[in-house]
C-alpha atoms as a PDB file:
ATOM      1  CA  MET A   1     -57.604  47.773 -32.977  1.00  0.00           C
ATOM      2  CA  THR A   2     -57.363  48.147 -29.341  1.00  0.00           C
ATOM      3  CA  THR A   3     -57.023  44.033 -29.092  1.00  0.00           C
ATOM      4  CA  VAL A   4     -54.169  44.361 -31.909  1.00  0.00           C
ATOM      5  CA  ALA A   5     -52.302  47.020 -29.984  1.00  0.00           C
ATOM      6  CA  GLY A   6     -52.614  44.966 -26.626  1.00  0.00           C
ATOM      7  CA  LEU A   7     -50.933  41.968 -28.568  1.00  0.00           C
ATOM      8  CA  VAL A   8     -48.304  44.047 -29.960  1.00  0.00           C
ATOM      9  CA  SER A   9     -47.486  45.508 -26.608  1.00  0.00           C
ATOM     10  CA  VAL A  10     -47.352  41.885 -24.929  1.00  0.00           C
ATOM     11  CA  LEU A  11     -44.901  40.669 -27.934  1.00  0.00           C
ATOM     12  CA  LEU A  12     -42.828  43.609 -27.654  1.00  0.00           C
ATOM     13  CA  VAL A  13     -42.651  43.176 -23.756  1.00  0.00           C
ATOM     14  CA  ALA A  14     -41.850  39.466 -24.596  1.00  0.00           C
ATOM     15  CA  ALA A  15     -39.161  40.376 -26.883  1.00  0.00           C
ATOM     16  CA  GLY A  16     -37.670  42.804 -24.459  1.00  0.00           C
ATOM     17  CA  LEU A  17     -37.517  40.174 -21.844  1.00  0.00           C
ATOM     18  CA  PHE A  18     -36.093  37.702 -23.921  1.00  0.00           C
ATOM     19  CA  TYR A  19     -33.334  39.866 -25.025  1.00  0.00           C
ATOM     20  CA  THR A  20     -32.769  41.178 -21.659  1.00  0.00           C
ATOM     21  CA  ASN A  21     -32.366  37.661 -20.088  1.00  0.00           C
ATOM     22  CA  ASP A  22     -30.040  36.319 -23.085  1.00  0.00           C
ATOM     23  CA  ALA A  23     -27.794  39.302 -22.289  1.00  0.00           C
ATOM     24  CA  ASN A  24     -27.824  38.526 -18.731  1.00  0.00           C
ATOM     25  CA  ARG A  25     -26.971  34.914 -19.512  1.00  0.00           C
ATOM     26  CA  LYS A  26     -24.126  36.077 -21.727  1.00  0.00           C
ATOM     27  CA  GLN A  27     -22.755  38.313 -18.767  1.00  0.00           C
ATOM     28  CA  GLN A  28     -22.920  35.442 -16.368  1.00  0.00           C
ATOM     29  CA  GLN A  29     -20.966  33.071 -18.707  1.00  0.00           C
ATOM     30  CA  LEU A  30     -18.828  35.813 -19.231  1.00  0.00           C
ATOM     31  CA  GLY A  31     -18.376  36.481 -15.440  1.00  0.00           C
ATOM     32  CA  LEU A  32     -17.705  32.466 -14.937  1.00  0.00           C
ATOM     33  CA  SER A  33     -15.277  32.293 -17.503  1.00  0.00           C
ATOM     34  CA  GLN A  34     -13.390  35.037 -15.998  1.00  0.00           C
ATOM     35  CA  GLN A  35     -13.541  33.550 -12.685  1.00  0.00           C
ATOM     36  CA  LYS A  36     -12.436  30.091 -14.255  1.00  0.00           C
ATOM     37  CA  LEU A  37      -9.326  32.050 -15.715  1.00  0.00           C
ATOM     38  CA  ALA A  38      -8.667  33.514 -12.523  1.00  0.00           C
ATOM     39  CA  LEU A  39      -8.682  30.244 -10.448  1.00  0.00           C
ATOM     40  CA  GLN A  40      -6.469  28.650 -13.123  1.00  0.00           C
ATOM     41  CA  GLY A  41      -4.164  31.466 -12.724  1.00  0.00           C
ATOM     42  CA  GLN A  42      -4.012  31.306  -8.814  1.00  0.00           C
ATOM     43  CA  ILE A  43      -3.529  27.546  -8.898  1.00  0.00           C
ATOM     44  CA  ALA A  44      -0.450  27.889 -11.463  1.00  0.00           C
ATOM     45  CA  ASP A  45       0.743  30.339  -8.943  1.00  0.00           C
ATOM     46  CA  ARG A  46       0.354  28.036  -6.081  1.00  0.00           C
ATOM     47  CA  PHE A  47       1.976  25.039  -8.060  1.00  0.00           C
ATOM     48  CA  THR A  48       4.867  27.364  -8.974  1.00  0.00           C
ATOM     49  CA  ALA A  49       5.452  28.656  -5.497  1.00  0.00           C
ATOM     50  CA  ALA A  50       5.055  25.087  -3.976  1.00  0.00           C
ATOM     51  CA  ILE A  51       7.813  23.859  -6.617  1.00  0.00           C
ATOM     52  CA  GLY A  52      10.124  26.992  -5.740  1.00  0.00           C
ATOM     53  CA  GLN A  53       9.921  25.687  -2.061  1.00  0.00           C
ATOM     54  CA  LEU A  54      10.407  22.121  -2.595  1.00  0.00           C
ATOM     55  CA  GLY A  55      13.730  23.118  -4.518  1.00  0.00           C
ATOM     56  CA  GLN A  56      15.252  25.116  -1.496  1.00  0.00           C
ATOM     57  CA  GLU A  57      18.119  23.411  -0.426  1.00  0.00           C
ATOM     58  CA  ASP A  58      19.877  23.480   2.826  1.00  0.00           C
ATOM     59  CA  ASN A  59      23.277  25.523   2.834  1.00  0.00           C
ATOM     60  CA  LYS A  60      26.004  26.216   5.378  1.00  0.00           C
ATOM     61  CA  LYS A  61      24.214  29.326   6.527  1.00  0.00           C
ATOM     62  CA  ARG A  62      20.618  28.137   6.900  1.00  0.00           C
ATOM     63  CA  ASP A  63      18.569  25.117   7.284  1.00  0.00           C
ATOM     64  CA  LYS A  64      15.483  25.280   4.977  1.00  0.00           C
ATOM     65  CA  LEU A  65      13.646  22.052   5.557  1.00  0.00           C
ATOM     66  CA  SER A  66      10.723  23.855   7.021  1.00  0.00           C
ATOM     67  CA  ILE A  67      10.289  25.659   3.310  1.00  0.00           C
ATOM     68  CA  ARG A  68      10.506  22.187   1.768  1.00  0.00           C
ATOM     69  CA  LEU A  69       7.934  20.861   3.946  1.00  0.00           C
ATOM     70  CA  GLY A  70       5.626  23.562   3.379  1.00  0.00           C
ATOM     71  CA  GLY A  71       5.916  22.967  -0.255  1.00  0.00           C
ATOM     72  CA  ILE A  72       5.102  19.682   0.100  1.00  0.00           C
ATOM     73  CA  TYR A  73       2.161  20.141   1.979  1.00  0.00           C
ATOM     74  CA  ALA A  74       1.151  22.667  -0.562  1.00  0.00           C
ATOM     75  CA  LEU A  75       1.153  20.344  -3.053  1.00  0.00           C
ATOM     76  CA  GLN A  76      -0.767  17.920  -1.042  1.00  0.00           C
ATOM     77  CA  ARG A  77      -3.720  20.790  -0.744  1.00  0.00           C
ATOM     78  CA  LEU A  78      -3.280  21.356  -4.391  1.00  0.00           C
ATOM     79  CA  MET A  79      -4.162  17.856  -5.465  1.00  0.00           C
ATOM     80  CA  PHE A  80      -7.371  17.952  -3.569  1.00  0.00           C
ATOM     81  CA  ASP A  81      -8.456  21.397  -4.892  1.00  0.00           C
ATOM     82  CA  SER A  82      -7.529  20.775  -8.327  1.00  0.00           C
ATOM     83  CA  PRO A  83      -8.049  16.995  -9.555  1.00  0.00           C
ATOM     84  CA  VAL A  84      -6.750  17.829 -13.024  1.00  0.00           C
ATOM     85  CA  ASP A  85      -3.324  18.612 -11.360  1.00  0.00           C
ATOM     86  CA  GLU A  86      -2.915  15.567  -9.305  1.00  0.00           C
ATOM     87  CA  ARG A  87      -0.855  13.477 -11.834  1.00  0.00           C
ATOM     88  CA  ALA A  88       1.618  16.610 -11.952  1.00  0.00           C
ATOM     89  CA  VAL A  89       1.849  16.764  -8.258  1.00  0.00           C
ATOM     90  CA  VAL A  90       2.466  12.867  -7.915  1.00  0.00           C
ATOM     91  CA  HIS A  91       5.285  13.059 -10.636  1.00  0.00           C
ATOM     92  CA  VAL A  92       6.858  15.685  -8.876  1.00  0.00           C
ATOM     93  CA  LEU A  93       6.774  14.260  -5.680  1.00  0.00           C
ATOM     94  CA  CYS A  94       8.011  10.887  -6.742  1.00  0.00           C
ATOM     95  CA  ALA A  95      10.845  12.828  -8.435  1.00  0.00           C
ATOM     96  CA  PHE A  96      11.743  14.599  -5.146  1.00  0.00           C
ATOM     97  CA  VAL A  97      11.819  11.159  -3.109  1.00  0.00           C
ATOM     98  CA  ASN A  98      13.949   9.518  -5.854  1.00  0.00           C
ATOM     99  CA  THR A  99      16.386  12.316  -5.938  1.00  0.00           C
ATOM    100  CA  HIS A 100      16.728  12.817  -2.068  1.00  0.00           C
ATOM    101  CA  ALA A 101      16.565   8.998  -1.094  1.00  0.00           C
ATOM    102  CA  PRO A 102      18.578   7.325  -3.846  1.00  0.00           C
ATOM    103  CA  ARG A 103      19.498   3.481  -3.948  1.00  0.00           C
ATOM    104  CA  PRO A 104      22.981   3.069  -3.305  1.00  0.00           C
ATOM    105  CA  ALA A 105      24.792   0.313  -5.780  1.00  0.00           C
ATOM    106  CA  THR A 106      24.947  -1.892  -2.598  1.00  0.00           C
ATOM    107  CA  PRO A 107      22.232  -1.859  -0.395  1.00  0.00           C
ATOM    108  CA  PRO A 108      23.134  -1.182   3.563  1.00  0.00           C
ATOM    109  CA  LYS A 109      22.665  -3.557   5.968  1.00  0.00           C
ATOM    110  CA  VAL A 110      21.159  -1.027   8.259  1.00  0.00           C
ATOM    111  CA  VAL A 111      19.114   1.697   6.529  1.00  0.00           C
ATOM    112  CA  PRO A 112      19.367   4.814   7.928  1.00  0.00           C
ATOM    113  CA  PRO A 113      16.126   6.963   8.865  1.00  0.00           C
ATOM    114  CA  SER A 114      15.190   9.095   6.163  1.00  0.00           C
ATOM    115  CA  PRO A 115      15.168  12.962   6.000  1.00  0.00           C
ATOM    116  CA  ALA A 116      11.746  14.418   7.493  1.00  0.00           C
ATOM    117  CA  ASP A 117      11.098  15.966   4.077  1.00  0.00           C
ATOM    118  CA  VAL A 118      11.143  12.700   2.098  1.00  0.00           C
ATOM    119  CA  ARG A 119       9.292  11.014   5.085  1.00  0.00           C
ATOM    120  CA  ALA A 120       6.511  13.703   4.574  1.00  0.00           C
ATOM    121  CA  ALA A 121       6.442  13.198   0.677  1.00  0.00           C
ATOM    122  CA  VAL A 122       6.133   9.375   0.837  1.00  0.00           C
ATOM    123  CA  THR A 123       3.144  10.070   3.176  1.00  0.00           C
ATOM    124  CA  VAL A 124       1.575  12.611   1.205  1.00  0.00           C
ATOM    125  CA  LEU A 125       1.828  10.307  -1.591  1.00  0.00           C
ATOM    126  CA  GLY A 126       0.146   7.430   0.204  1.00  0.00           C
ATOM    127  CA  TYR A 127      -2.987   9.437   0.732  1.00  0.00           C
ATOM    128  CA  ARG A 128      -3.308  11.218  -2.867  1.00  0.00           C
ATOM    129  CA  PRO A 129      -7.013  11.430  -3.985  1.00  0.00           C
ATOM    130  CA  ASN A 130      -6.976   8.802  -6.880  1.00  0.00           C
ATOM    131  CA  PRO A 131      -4.211   6.136  -5.936  1.00  0.00           C
ATOM    132  CA  LEU A 132      -5.667   3.485  -8.796  1.00  0.00           C
ATOM    133  CA  GLU A 133      -5.144   6.211 -11.255  1.00  0.00           C
ATOM    134  CA  GLN A 134      -1.729   7.547 -10.293  1.00  0.00           C
ATOM    135  CA  PRO A 135       0.681   5.017  -9.843  1.00  0.00           C
ATOM    136  CA  LEU A 136       3.814   5.519  -7.942  1.00  0.00           C
ATOM    137  CA  ASP A 137       7.399   5.626  -9.402  1.00  0.00           C
ATOM    138  CA  LEU A 138       9.538   4.937  -6.505  1.00  0.00           C
ATOM    139  CA  SER A 139      12.002   2.603  -8.435  1.00  0.00           C
ATOM    140  CA  ASN A 140      15.322   4.137  -7.435  1.00  0.00           C
ATOM    141  CA  VAL A 141      14.685   4.572  -3.498  1.00  0.00           C
ATOM    142  CA  ILE A 142      15.599   3.033  -0.121  1.00  0.00           C
ATOM    143  CA  LEU A 143      13.567   4.567   2.562  1.00  0.00           C
ATOM    144  CA  GLY A 144      14.203   4.503   6.029  1.00  0.00           C
ATOM    145  CA  LEU A 145      10.842   4.955   7.740  1.00  0.00           C
ATOM    146  CA  PRO A 146      10.772   3.214  10.962  1.00  0.00           C
ATOM    147  CA  GLY A 147       7.225   3.680  12.924  1.00  0.00           C
ATOM    148  CA  VAL A 148       5.904   5.556   9.999  1.00  0.00           C
ATOM    149  CA  ASP A 149       2.093   6.119  10.139  1.00  0.00           C
ATOM    150  CA  LEU A 150       0.540   4.887   6.877  1.00  0.00           C
ATOM    151  CA  TYR A 151      -2.496   3.738   8.210  1.00  0.00           C
ATOM    152  CA  GLY A 152      -5.159   3.286   5.206  1.00  0.00           C
ATOM    153  CA  ALA A 153      -2.469   4.531   2.920  1.00  0.00           C
ATOM    154  CA  ASP A 154      -2.302   3.411  -0.709  1.00  0.00           C
ATOM    155  CA  LEU A 155       1.171   2.504  -2.273  1.00  0.00           C
ATOM    156  CA  THR A 156      -0.003  -0.014  -4.817  1.00  0.00           C
ATOM    157  CA  GLY A 157       2.885  -1.107  -7.246  1.00  0.00           C
ATOM    158  CA  ALA A 158       5.530   0.850  -5.347  1.00  0.00           C
ATOM    159  CA  ASP A 159       9.174  -0.444  -5.291  1.00  0.00           C
ATOM    160  CA  LEU A 160      10.262  -0.283  -1.618  1.00  0.00           C
ATOM    161  CA  GLY A 161      12.535  -3.046  -1.876  1.00  0.00           C
ATOM    162  CA  ASN A 162      15.532  -3.183   0.886  1.00  0.00           C
ATOM    163  CA  SER A 163      13.802  -0.468   2.767  1.00  0.00           C
ATOM    164  CA  SER A 164      13.183  -0.189   6.398  1.00  0.00           C
ATOM    165  CA  LEU A 165       9.506   0.127   7.566  1.00  0.00           C
ATOM    166  CA  ARG A 166      10.199  -1.437  10.976  1.00  0.00           C
ATOM    167  CA  GLY A 167       7.242  -0.690  13.363  1.00  0.00           C
ATOM    168  CA  ALA A 168       5.263   0.942  10.710  1.00  0.00           C
ATOM    169  CA  ASP A 169       1.510   1.347  10.903  1.00  0.00           C
ATOM    170  CA  LEU A 170       0.506   0.012   7.670  1.00  0.00           C
ATOM    171  CA  ARG A 171      -2.955  -1.356   8.690  1.00  0.00           C
ATOM    172  CA  GLU A 172      -5.478  -1.375   5.843  1.00  0.00           C
ATOM    173  CA  ALA A 173      -2.888  -0.088   3.797  1.00  0.00           C
ATOM    174  CA  GLY A 174      -3.136  -0.875  -0.008  1.00  0.00           C
ATOM    175  CA  LEU A 175       0.164  -2.569  -0.889  1.00  0.00           C
ATOM    176  CA  ASN A 176      -0.966  -5.045  -3.566  1.00  0.00           C
ATOM    177  CA  GLY A 177       1.610  -5.769  -6.217  1.00  0.00           C
ATOM    178  CA  VAL A 178       4.290  -3.841  -4.156  1.00  0.00           C
ATOM    179  CA  ASP A 179       7.865  -4.648  -4.281  1.00  0.00           C
ATOM    180  CA  LEU A 180       9.256  -5.151  -0.424  1.00  0.00           C
ATOM    181  CA  HIS A 181      11.971  -7.491  -1.170  1.00  0.00           C
ATOM    182  CA  GLY A 182      14.717  -7.590   1.577  1.00  0.00           C
ATOM    183  CA  THR A 183      12.575  -5.062   3.340  1.00  0.00           C
ATOM    184  CA  ASP A 184      12.562  -5.017   7.025  1.00  0.00           C
ATOM    185  CA  LEU A 185       8.978  -4.863   8.462  1.00  0.00           C
ATOM    186  CA  ASP A 186       9.532  -6.574  11.890  1.00  0.00           C
ATOM    187  CA  TYR A 187       6.956  -5.539  14.269  1.00  0.00           C
ATOM    188  CA  ALA A 188       5.003  -3.455  11.910  1.00  0.00           C
ATOM    189  CA  ASN A 189       1.435  -3.719  12.011  1.00  0.00           C
ATOM    190  CA  LEU A 190      -0.046  -4.609   8.559  1.00  0.00           C
ATOM    191  CA  THR A 191      -3.703  -5.946   9.927  1.00  0.00           C
ATOM    192  CA  GLY A 192      -6.026  -5.777   7.190  1.00  0.00           C
ATOM    193  CA  ALA A 193      -3.613  -4.712   4.765  1.00  0.00           C
ATOM    194  CA  ASN A 194      -3.899  -5.483   0.964  1.00  0.00           C
ATOM    195  CA  LEU A 195      -0.585  -7.519  -0.054  1.00  0.00           C
ATOM    196  CA  THR A 196      -2.170  -9.381  -3.023  1.00  0.00           C
ATOM    197  CA  GLY A 197       0.400 -10.138  -5.416  1.00  0.00           C
ATOM    198  CA  ALA A 198       3.340  -8.535  -3.541  1.00  0.00           C
ATOM    199  CA  TYR A 199       6.834  -9.475  -4.075  1.00  0.00           C
ATOM    200  CA  LEU A 200       8.024  -9.989  -0.372  1.00  0.00           C
ATOM    201  CA  THR A 201      10.953 -12.437  -0.812  1.00  0.00           C
ATOM    202  CA  ASP A 202      13.718 -12.507   2.048  1.00  0.00           C
ATOM    203  CA  ALA A 203      11.424  -9.769   3.532  1.00  0.00           C
ATOM    204  CA  SER A 204      11.555  -9.709   7.417  1.00  0.00           C
ATOM    205  CA  PHE A 205       8.243  -9.508   9.175  1.00  0.00           C
ATOM    206  CA  SER A 206       9.552 -10.776  12.756  1.00  0.00           C
ATOM    207  CA  GLY A 207       6.876 -10.186  15.490  1.00  0.00           C
ATOM    208  CA  ALA A 208       4.475  -8.288  12.642  1.00  0.00           C
ATOM    209  CA  TYR A 209       0.982  -8.421  12.805  1.00  0.00           C
ATOM    210  CA  LEU A 210      -0.659  -9.540   9.727  1.00  0.00           C
ATOM    211  CA  ASN A 211      -4.036 -10.695  11.064  1.00  0.00           C
ATOM    212  CA  HIS A 212      -6.800 -10.624   7.979  1.00  0.00           C
ATOM    213  CA  ALA A 213      -4.210  -9.432   5.684  1.00  0.00           C
ATOM    214  CA  ASP A 214      -4.879 -10.144   2.088  1.00  0.00           C
ATOM    215  CA  LEU A 215      -1.636 -11.858   0.602  1.00  0.00           C
ATOM    216  CA  PHE A 216      -3.173 -13.851  -2.124  1.00  0.00           C
ATOM    217  CA  GLY A 217      -0.625 -14.872  -4.597  1.00  0.00           C
ATOM    218  CA  ALA A 218       2.325 -13.092  -2.700  1.00  0.00           C
ATOM    219  CA  ASN A 219       5.808 -14.379  -3.201  1.00  0.00           C
ATOM    220  CA  LEU A 220       7.249 -14.703   0.517  1.00  0.00           C
ATOM    221  CA  THR A 221       9.993 -16.999  -0.662  1.00  0.00           C
ATOM    222  CA  GLY A 222      12.710 -17.025   2.059  1.00  0.00           C
ATOM    223  CA  ALA A 223      10.896 -14.485   4.146  1.00  0.00           C
ATOM    224  CA  ASP A 224      11.380 -14.160   7.634  1.00  0.00           C
ATOM    225  CA  LEU A 225       8.035 -14.524   9.678  1.00  0.00           C
ATOM    226  CA  HIS A 226       9.146 -15.654  12.984  1.00  0.00           C
ATOM    227  CA  GLY A 227       6.810 -15.038  15.706  1.00  0.00           C
ATOM    228  CA  SER A 228       4.267 -13.209  13.493  1.00  0.00           C
ATOM    229  CA  TYR A 229       0.650 -13.214  13.642  1.00  0.00           C
ATOM    230  CA  LEU A 230      -1.348 -14.201  10.608  1.00  0.00           C
ATOM    231  CA  THR A 231      -4.674 -15.088  12.125  1.00  0.00           C
ATOM    232  CA  GLY A 232      -7.195 -15.298   9.582  1.00  0.00           C
ATOM    233  CA  ALA A 233      -4.786 -14.128   6.720  1.00  0.00           C
ATOM    234  CA  ASN A 234      -5.563 -14.997   3.091  1.00  0.00           C
ATOM    235  CA  LEU A 235      -2.546 -16.835   1.776  1.00  0.00           C
ATOM    236  CA  ARG A 236      -4.185 -18.741  -0.870  1.00  0.00           C
ATOM    237  CA  ARG A 237      -1.694 -19.444  -3.739  1.00  0.00           C
ATOM    238  CA  ALA A 238       1.099 -17.629  -1.751  1.00  0.00           C
ATOM    239  CA  GLN A 239       4.750 -18.654  -2.318  1.00  0.00           C
ATOM    240  CA  LEU A 240       6.104 -19.370   1.394  1.00  0.00           C
ATOM    241  CA  SER A 241       8.910 -21.980   0.192  1.00  0.00           C
ATOM    242  CA  ASP A 242      11.953 -21.872   2.747  1.00  0.00           C
ATOM    243  CA  ALA A 243       9.955 -19.257   4.735  1.00  0.00           C
ATOM    244  CA  ASP A 244      10.426 -19.037   8.425  1.00  0.00           C
ATOM    245  CA  LEU A 245       7.177 -19.573  10.338  1.00  0.00           C
ATOM    246  CA  THR A 246       8.536 -20.440  13.426  1.00  0.00           C
ATOM    247  CA  PRO A 247       6.359 -20.380  15.850  1.00  0.00           C
ATOM    248  CA  THR A 248       4.114 -18.327  13.820  1.00  0.00           C
ATOM    249  CA  ASP A 249       0.296 -17.735  14.575  1.00  0.00           C
ATOM    250  CA  LEU A 250      -1.733 -19.056  11.540  1.00  0.00           C
ATOM    251  CA  GLN A 251      -4.584 -19.768  13.061  1.00  0.00           C
ATOM    252  CA  GLY A 252      -8.074 -19.838  10.780  1.00  0.00           C
ATOM    253  CA  ALA A 253      -5.457 -18.666   7.966  1.00  0.00           C
ATOM    254  CA  TYR A 254      -6.575 -19.599   4.280  1.00  0.00           C
ATOM    255  CA  LEU A 255      -3.643 -21.748   2.661  1.00  0.00           C
ATOM    256  CA  GLN A 256      -5.245 -23.436  -0.290  1.00  0.00           C
ATOM    257  CA  GLY A 257      -2.989 -24.011  -2.819  1.00  0.00           C
ATOM    258  CA  ALA A 258      -0.008 -22.451  -0.873  1.00  0.00           C
ATOM    259  CA  ASP A 259       3.423 -23.402  -1.600  1.00  0.00           C
ATOM    260  CA  LEU A 260       5.063 -24.491   2.006  1.00  0.00           C
ATOM    261  CA  SER A 261       7.601 -26.642   0.488  1.00  0.00           C
ATOM    262  CA  GLY A 262      10.979 -26.456   2.864  1.00  0.00           C
ATOM    263  CA  ALA A 263       9.045 -23.869   5.095  1.00  0.00           C
ATOM    264  CA  ASP A 264      10.064 -24.060   8.890  1.00  0.00           C
ATOM    265  CA  LEU A 265       6.560 -24.505  10.697  1.00  0.00           C
ATOM    266  CA  ARG A 266       8.232 -25.546  13.915  1.00  0.00           C
ATOM    267  CA  GLY A 267       5.741 -24.981  16.846  1.00  0.00           C
ATOM    268  CA  ALA A 268       3.527 -23.231  14.439  1.00  0.00           C
ATOM    269  CA  ASP A 269      -0.103 -22.999  15.370  1.00  0.00           C
ATOM    270  CA  LEU A 270      -2.070 -23.998  12.406  1.00  0.00           C
ATOM    271  CA  SER A 271      -5.390 -24.773  14.145  1.00  0.00           C
ATOM    272  CA  GLY A 272      -8.392 -24.114  11.979  1.00  0.00           C
ATOM    273  CA  ALA A 273      -6.208 -23.079   8.989  1.00  0.00           C
ATOM    274  CA  ASN A 274      -7.178 -24.530   5.422  1.00  0.00           C
ATOM    275  CA  LEU A 275      -4.439 -26.606   4.085  1.00  0.00           C
ATOM    276  CA  THR A 276      -6.307 -27.838   0.948  1.00  0.00           C
ATOM    277  CA  GLY A 277      -3.919 -28.730  -1.779  1.00  0.00           C
ATOM    278  CA  ALA A 278      -1.083 -26.891   0.260  1.00  0.00           C
ATOM    279  CA  ASP A 279       2.483 -28.026  -0.732  1.00  0.00           C
ATOM    280  CA  LEU A 280       4.096 -29.567   2.527  1.00  0.00           C
ATOM    281  CA  ALA A 281       7.070 -31.109   0.879  1.00  0.00           C
ATOM    282  CA  GLY A 282      10.062 -30.928   3.124  1.00  0.00           C
ATOM    283  CA  ALA A 283       8.133 -28.508   5.698  1.00  0.00           C
ATOM    284  CA  ASP A 284       9.356 -28.795   8.848  1.00  0.00           C
ATOM    285  CA  LEU A 285       5.987 -29.477  11.206  1.00  0.00           C
ATOM    286  CA  GLN A 286       7.898 -30.761  14.220  1.00  0.00           C
ATOM    287  CA  GLY A 287       5.904 -29.669  17.378  1.00  0.00           C
ATOM    288  CA  ALA A 288       3.405 -27.770  15.021  1.00  0.00           C
ATOM    289  CA  ASP A 289      -0.542 -27.846  15.766  1.00  0.00           C
ATOM    290  CA  VAL A 290      -2.497 -29.082  12.900  1.00  0.00           C
ATOM    291  CA  SER A 291      -4.924 -30.813  15.049  1.00  0.00           C
ATOM    292  CA  SER A 292      -7.936 -28.811  13.747  1.00  0.00           C
ATOM    293  CA  SER A 293      -6.643 -27.763  10.164  1.00  0.00           C
ATOM    294  CA  VAL A 294      -9.110 -28.018   7.391  1.00  0.00           C
ATOM    295  CA  GLY A 295      -8.313 -30.109   3.983  1.00  0.00           C
ATOM    296  CA  LEU A 296      -5.272 -31.884   5.603  1.00  0.00           C
ATOM    297  CA  THR A 297      -4.646 -35.158   4.212  1.00  0.00           C
ATOM    298  CA  ALA A 298      -2.003 -37.957   5.092  1.00  0.00           C
ATOM    299  CA  GLN A 299      -0.620 -38.007   1.510  1.00  0.00           C
ATOM    300  CA  GLN A 300       0.143 -34.335   2.091  1.00  0.00           C
ATOM    301  CA  LEU A 301       2.193 -35.212   5.058  1.00  0.00           C
ATOM    302  CA  THR A 302       4.171 -37.977   3.445  1.00  0.00           C
ATOM    303  CA  ARG A 303       6.942 -35.674   2.456  1.00  0.00           C
ATOM    304  CA  ALA A 304       7.162 -33.500   5.509  1.00  0.00           C
ATOM    305  CA  GLN A 305       9.163 -33.647   8.833  1.00  0.00           C
ATOM    306  CA  LEU A 306       7.394 -34.682  11.500  1.00  0.00           C
ATOM    307  CA  ASN A 307       7.772 -35.798  15.112  1.00  0.00           C
ATOM    308  CA  GLY A 308       5.966 -37.320  17.992  1.00  0.00           C
ATOM    309  CA  LEU A 309       4.964 -33.560  19.267  1.00  0.00           C
ATOM    310  CA  THR A 310       2.916 -33.140  15.794  1.00  0.00           C
ATOM    311  CA  ARG A 311      -0.490 -32.720  16.566  1.00  0.00           C
ATOM    312  CA  PHE A 312      -2.789 -34.219  13.936  1.00  0.00           C
ATOM    313  CA  PRO A 313      -6.598 -34.258  13.089  1.00  0.00           C
ATOM    314  CA  PRO A 314      -8.399 -37.024  14.377  1.00  0.00           C
ATOM    315  CA  ASP A 315      -9.221 -38.385  11.038  1.00  0.00           C
ATOM    316  CA  VAL A 316      -5.579 -38.273   9.889  1.00  0.00           C
ATOM    317  CA  VAL A 317      -3.319 -41.254  10.749  1.00  0.00           C
ATOM    318  CA  TRP A 318       0.357 -40.816  11.010  1.00  0.00           C
ATOM    319  CA  PRO A 319       2.024 -41.252   7.464  1.00  0.00           C
ATOM    320  CA  SER A 320       4.101 -44.044   6.738  1.00  0.00           C
ATOM    321  CA  PRO A 321       6.937 -44.322   7.614  1.00  0.00           C
ATOM    322  CA  ALA A 322       5.832 -43.414  11.233  1.00  0.00           C
ATOM    323  CA  PRO A 323       8.124 -40.304  12.683  1.00  0.00           C
ATOM    324  CA  SER A 324      10.478 -41.412  15.303  1.00  0.00           C
END
């Protein structure tokens, strides 16, 4: 009887502990649910407040730029604090940029600097947490962002055609598939930038740094690359027809299968560049240095413009007819 009573006591104690722990778990779950709801409410309040700040327009009596900037940076913080709201924040900021920097019917010859709030919004968008999952819809803008710092930013797929990024810091930026046709990128630093498949027709890169940039398959038809630096750049299968490459530094560049037909390469330094399969029909190589280029054949040069100052590799003879 004593043994049975002891076992019953132990079982009763165990049952009591089980029910107590179960009640505690349920209480903890209820507390966590309440905390989650409170947090969601706080995030909703922050989002609403930031949108309200973003919508503050200037009037004759008061400049509300600082309020709008506060809203932009509040939304930036919200993207990181609440990943589920990142898509909504990106959508709102893109709409803000499209509204405040609209593309005119006729693109201006000189793009004026964009307002500080537009500049801030573009910068925040460039550093969104998940750029591959959140593409940018900037299809109706012309931006004036001279000297903007977008080092390491990601603007994948954005439409920035006819904008001004003159002197911008775009080192290691993600610009694959971006539309920069007619854009002013003079003296910009795009070292190590990813421009694969980018649309860069008639863009201006005069004096720009594109060393080791990835331009695989990029369309640079008619682009102005005068005096730019493309050392070690990946230009495989790039479209460079009718581009101005005088006297560009293309040392060690990868130009396999590139279209250089009609390109102006006078005085260009192509030493160490890989020209295997490149189309040089009509390209102007007068005074160019291809003395140590890789994969260059006499057949490629037969339709190029040459002169006595063109420097050839030792194993490549002057194409026939010989240049004057």
